[in-house]
Amino acid sequence: MYAVEVRDHVMIAHSFRGAVFGPAQALHGATFVIDACFMAEALDPNGIVVDIGRAQAVLKETLEPLAYKNLDELDQFKGVNTTTEFLARHVHDALARAARADALGRPGRELASIRVTIAESHLARAWYEACP
């Protein structure tokens, strides 16, 4: 399996509903480091999994609407606990749409998987992986 991984970060604010979250029920900030890994069984005729520049641009475009926002106030997240796991799926789905639109320099159907890992600190991270 071949892989290309790009990284970016985003600063957000949010809160959670539910006693399981303890003090995180209060509004708090987070700086997430996001790794997007694109995987393929074989390299394409250009010798790539995806174009790194295009992958980086798509990840940046995906994160831009979230940057410096209180996620609790965004319509798309109303009533949702925007956990690290949830956000990993949200970012994955946007990258998968770009892959299916052939926006990564290679037909998306040729990718085996996309994995999005979000580190919420140096101690904890979550990821979501699926076919595009």
C-alpha atoms as a PDB file:
ATOM      1  CA  MET A   1       0.000   0.000   0.000  1.00  0.00           C
ATOM      2  CA  TYR A   2       1.301   3.434  -0.935  1.00  0.00           C
ATOM      3  CA  ALA A   3       0.349   6.544   1.007  1.00  0.00           C
ATOM      4  CA  VAL A   4       0.676  10.307   0.847  1.00  0.00           C
ATOM      5  CA  GLU A   5      -0.069  12.306   3.968  1.00  0.00           C
ATOM      6  CA  VAL A   6      -0.569  16.051   4.310  1.00  0.00           C
ATOM      7  CA  ARG A   7      -1.029  18.069   7.481  1.00  0.00           C
ATOM      8  CA  ASP A   8      -2.670  21.292   8.584  1.00  0.00           C
ATOM      9  CA  HIS A   9      -4.157  22.679  11.769  1.00  0.00           C
ATOM     10  CA  VAL A  10      -7.229  24.595  12.861  1.00  0.00           C
ATOM     11  CA  MET A  11      -8.140  26.563  15.976  1.00  0.00           C
ATOM     12  CA  ILE A  12     -11.777  26.303  17.066  1.00  0.00           C
ATOM     13  CA  ALA A  13     -14.056  26.716  20.062  1.00  0.00           C
ATOM     14  CA  HIS A  14     -16.890  24.390  21.067  1.00  0.00           C
ATOM     15  CA  SER A  15     -18.678  22.776  23.973  1.00  0.00           C
ATOM     16  CA  PHE A  16     -20.224  19.376  24.571  1.00  0.00           C
ATOM     17  CA  ARG A  17     -23.526  18.152  25.952  1.00  0.00           C
ATOM     18  CA  GLY A  18     -23.483  15.192  28.312  1.00  0.00           C
ATOM     19  CA  ALA A  19     -22.110  14.443  31.749  1.00  0.00           C
ATOM     20  CA  VAL A  20     -19.484  12.115  30.234  1.00  0.00           C
ATOM     21  CA  PHE A  21     -17.628  15.230  29.039  1.00  0.00           C
ATOM     22  CA  GLY A  22     -17.155  16.720  32.517  1.00  0.00           C
ATOM     23  CA  PRO A  23     -15.552  20.170  32.307  1.00  0.00           C
ATOM     24  CA  ALA A  24     -15.552  20.040  28.478  1.00  0.00           C
ATOM     25  CA  GLN A  25     -19.287  20.768  28.668  1.00  0.00           C
ATOM     26  CA  ALA A  26     -18.239  24.401  29.062  1.00  0.00           C
ATOM     27  CA  LEU A  27     -17.130  26.423  26.061  1.00  0.00           C
ATOM     28  CA  HIS A  28     -13.439  25.763  25.431  1.00  0.00           C
ATOM     29  CA  GLY A  29     -10.887  26.195  22.682  1.00  0.00           C
ATOM     30  CA  ALA A  30      -8.873  23.608  20.837  1.00  0.00           C
ATOM     31  CA  THR A  31      -6.060  23.581  18.330  1.00  0.00           C
ATOM     32  CA  PHE A  32      -6.362  20.454  16.236  1.00  0.00           C
ATOM     33  CA  VAL A  33      -3.576  19.056  14.070  1.00  0.00           C
ATOM     34  CA  ILE A  34      -5.128  17.240  11.120  1.00  0.00           C
ATOM     35  CA  ASP A  35      -3.347  14.587   9.060  1.00  0.00           C
ATOM     36  CA  ALA A  36      -4.987  13.437   5.845  1.00  0.00           C
ATOM     37  CA  CYS A  37      -3.615  10.191   4.450  1.00  0.00           C
ATOM     38  CA  PHE A  38      -4.487   9.074   0.927  1.00  0.00           C
ATOM     39  CA  MET A  39      -3.787   5.416   0.142  1.00  0.00           C
ATOM     40  CA  ALA A  40      -3.563   3.432  -3.090  1.00  0.00           C
ATOM     41  CA  GLU A  41      -2.543  -0.109  -3.960  1.00  0.00           C
ATOM     42  CA  ALA A  42      -0.387   1.153  -6.846  1.00  0.00           C
ATOM     43  CA  LEU A  43       1.154   4.364  -8.058  1.00  0.00           C
ATOM     44  CA  ASP A  44      -0.451   6.028 -11.063  1.00  0.00           C
ATOM     45  CA  PRO A  45       1.433   6.521 -14.376  1.00  0.00           C
ATOM     46  CA  ASN A  46       2.956   9.707 -12.918  1.00  0.00           C
ATOM     47  CA  GLY A  47       4.357   7.742  -9.983  1.00  0.00           C
ATOM     48  CA  ILE A  48       2.065   9.314  -7.364  1.00  0.00           C
ATOM     49  CA  VAL A  49      -0.745   8.394  -4.994  1.00  0.00           C
ATOM     50  CA  VAL A  50      -2.235  11.897  -5.272  1.00  0.00           C
ATOM     51  CA  ASP A  51      -0.741  15.290  -6.015  1.00  0.00           C
ATOM     52  CA  ILE A  52       0.585  16.562  -2.685  1.00  0.00           C
ATOM     53  CA  GLY A  53      -0.075  20.204  -3.546  1.00  0.00           C
ATOM     54  CA  ARG A  54      -3.680  19.522  -4.493  1.00  0.00           C
ATOM     55  CA  ALA A  55      -4.218  17.391  -1.385  1.00  0.00           C
ATOM     56  CA  GLN A  56      -2.818  20.169   0.809  1.00  0.00           C
ATOM     57  CA  ALA A  57      -5.047  22.756  -0.887  1.00  0.00           C
ATOM     58  CA  VAL A  58      -8.188  20.645  -0.462  1.00  0.00           C
ATOM     59  CA  LEU A  59      -7.425  20.056   3.217  1.00  0.00           C
ATOM     60  CA  LYS A  60      -6.855  23.790   3.773  1.00  0.00           C
ATOM     61  CA  GLU A  61     -10.131  24.643   1.973  1.00  0.00           C
ATOM     62  CA  THR A  62     -11.962  22.106   4.125  1.00  0.00           C
ATOM     63  CA  LEU A  63     -10.647  23.570   7.379  1.00  0.00           C
ATOM     64  CA  GLU A  64     -10.983  27.245   6.471  1.00  0.00           C
ATOM     65  CA  PRO A  65     -14.725  27.546   7.288  1.00  0.00           C
ATOM     66  CA  LEU A  66     -14.019  26.143  10.782  1.00  0.00           C
ATOM     67  CA  ALA A  67     -11.002  28.297  11.641  1.00  0.00           C
ATOM     68  CA  TYR A  68     -11.434  30.599  14.631  1.00  0.00           C
ATOM     69  CA  LYS A  69     -15.132  29.730  14.821  1.00  0.00           C
ATOM     70  CA  ASN A  70     -17.297  28.541  17.675  1.00  0.00           C
ATOM     71  CA  LEU A  71     -18.539  25.288  16.131  1.00  0.00           C
ATOM     72  CA  ASP A  72     -21.628  25.433  18.373  1.00  0.00           C
ATOM     73  CA  GLU A  73     -22.775  28.449  16.359  1.00  0.00           C
ATOM     74  CA  LEU A  74     -22.375  26.946  12.866  1.00  0.00           C
ATOM     75  CA  ASP A  75     -25.665  25.795  11.316  1.00  0.00           C
ATOM     76  CA  GLN A  76     -24.148  22.546  10.017  1.00  0.00           C
ATOM     77  CA  PHE A  77     -23.228  21.505  13.565  1.00  0.00           C
ATOM     78  CA  LYS A  78     -26.323  22.625  15.473  1.00  0.00           C
ATOM     79  CA  GLY A  79     -27.250  20.023  18.068  1.00  0.00           C
ATOM     80  CA  VAL A  80     -24.124  17.922  17.421  1.00  0.00           C
ATOM     81  CA  ASN A  81     -21.260  17.160  19.782  1.00  0.00           C
ATOM     82  CA  THR A  82     -18.318  18.112  17.580  1.00  0.00           C
ATOM     83  CA  THR A  83     -15.991  15.540  19.116  1.00  0.00           C
ATOM     84  CA  THR A  84     -12.620  14.783  17.614  1.00  0.00           C
ATOM     85  CA  GLU A  85     -14.081  11.591  16.148  1.00  0.00           C
ATOM     86  CA  PHE A  86     -17.010  13.457  14.607  1.00  0.00           C
ATOM     87  CA  LEU A  87     -14.715  16.078  13.090  1.00  0.00           C
ATOM     88  CA  ALA A  88     -12.441  13.384  11.633  1.00  0.00           C
ATOM     89  CA  ARG A  89     -15.446  12.021   9.717  1.00  0.00           C
ATOM     90  CA  HIS A  90     -16.501  15.539   8.671  1.00  0.00           C
ATOM     91  CA  VAL A  91     -13.056  16.260   7.201  1.00  0.00           C
ATOM     92  CA  HIS A  92     -12.864  12.803   5.602  1.00  0.00           C
ATOM     93  CA  ASP A  93     -16.182  13.275   3.846  1.00  0.00           C
ATOM     94  CA  ALA A  94     -15.025  16.575   2.328  1.00  0.00           C
ATOM     95  CA  LEU A  95     -11.784  14.997   1.117  1.00  0.00           C
ATOM     96  CA  ALA A  96     -13.696  12.012  -0.281  1.00  0.00           C
ATOM     97  CA  ARG A  97     -15.953  14.388  -2.250  1.00  0.00           C
ATOM     98  CA  ALA A  98     -12.838  16.024  -3.707  1.00  0.00           C
ATOM     99  CA  ALA A  99     -11.403  12.608  -4.592  1.00  0.00           C
ATOM    100  CA  ARG A 100     -14.644  11.558  -6.316  1.00  0.00           C
ATOM    101  CA  ALA A 101     -14.534  14.844  -8.268  1.00  0.00           C
ATOM    102  CA  ASP A 102     -11.001  13.899  -9.414  1.00  0.00           C
ATOM    103  CA  ALA A 103      -9.630  17.058  -7.757  1.00  0.00           C
ATOM    104  CA  LEU A 104      -6.496  15.399  -6.362  1.00  0.00           C
ATOM    105  CA  GLY A 105      -4.579  14.802  -9.593  1.00  0.00           C
ATOM    106  CA  ARG A 106      -5.706  11.202  -9.888  1.00  0.00           C
ATOM    107  CA  PRO A 107      -9.127   9.574 -10.344  1.00  0.00           C
ATOM    108  CA  GLY A 108     -10.659   9.076  -6.916  1.00  0.00           C
ATOM    109  CA  ARG A 109     -11.846   5.593  -7.835  1.00  0.00           C
ATOM    110  CA  GLU A 110      -8.198   4.513  -7.854  1.00  0.00           C
ATOM    111  CA  LEU A 111      -7.746   5.327  -4.156  1.00  0.00           C
ATOM    112  CA  ALA A 112      -8.104   2.470  -1.698  1.00  0.00           C
ATOM    113  CA  SER A 113      -8.754   4.613   1.355  1.00  0.00           C
ATOM    114  CA  ILE A 114      -8.558   8.029   2.968  1.00  0.00           C
ATOM    115  CA  ARG A 115      -7.697   8.297   6.656  1.00  0.00           C
ATOM    116  CA  VAL A 116      -8.105  11.515   8.627  1.00  0.00           C
ATOM    117  CA  THR A 117      -6.355  11.694  11.995  1.00  0.00           C
ATOM    118  CA  ILE A 118      -6.986  14.589  14.336  1.00  0.00           C
ATOM    119  CA  ALA A 119      -4.672  15.176  17.274  1.00  0.00           C
ATOM    120  CA  GLU A 120      -6.285  17.212  20.018  1.00  0.00           C
ATOM    121  CA  SER A 121      -3.073  17.182  22.028  1.00  0.00           C
ATOM    122  CA  HIS A 122       0.249  15.377  22.111  1.00  0.00           C
ATOM    123  CA  LEU A 123      -1.504  12.725  24.218  1.00  0.00           C
ATOM    124  CA  ALA A 124      -4.711  11.981  22.316  1.00  0.00           C
ATOM    125  CA  ARG A 125      -5.956  11.647  18.761  1.00  0.00           C
ATOM    126  CA  ALA A 126      -8.800  10.093  16.831  1.00  0.00           C
ATOM    127  CA  TRP A 127      -9.156   8.981  13.249  1.00  0.00           C
ATOM    128  CA  TYR A 128     -11.673   7.959  10.635  1.00  0.00           C
ATOM    129  CA  GLU A 129     -10.860   5.850   7.574  1.00  0.00           C
ATOM    130  CA  ALA A 130     -12.996   4.730   4.652  1.00  0.00           C
ATOM    131  CA  CYS A 131     -12.982   4.361   0.897  1.00  0.00           C
ATOM    132  CA  PRO A 132     -13.620   7.591  -0.949  1.00  0.00           C
END
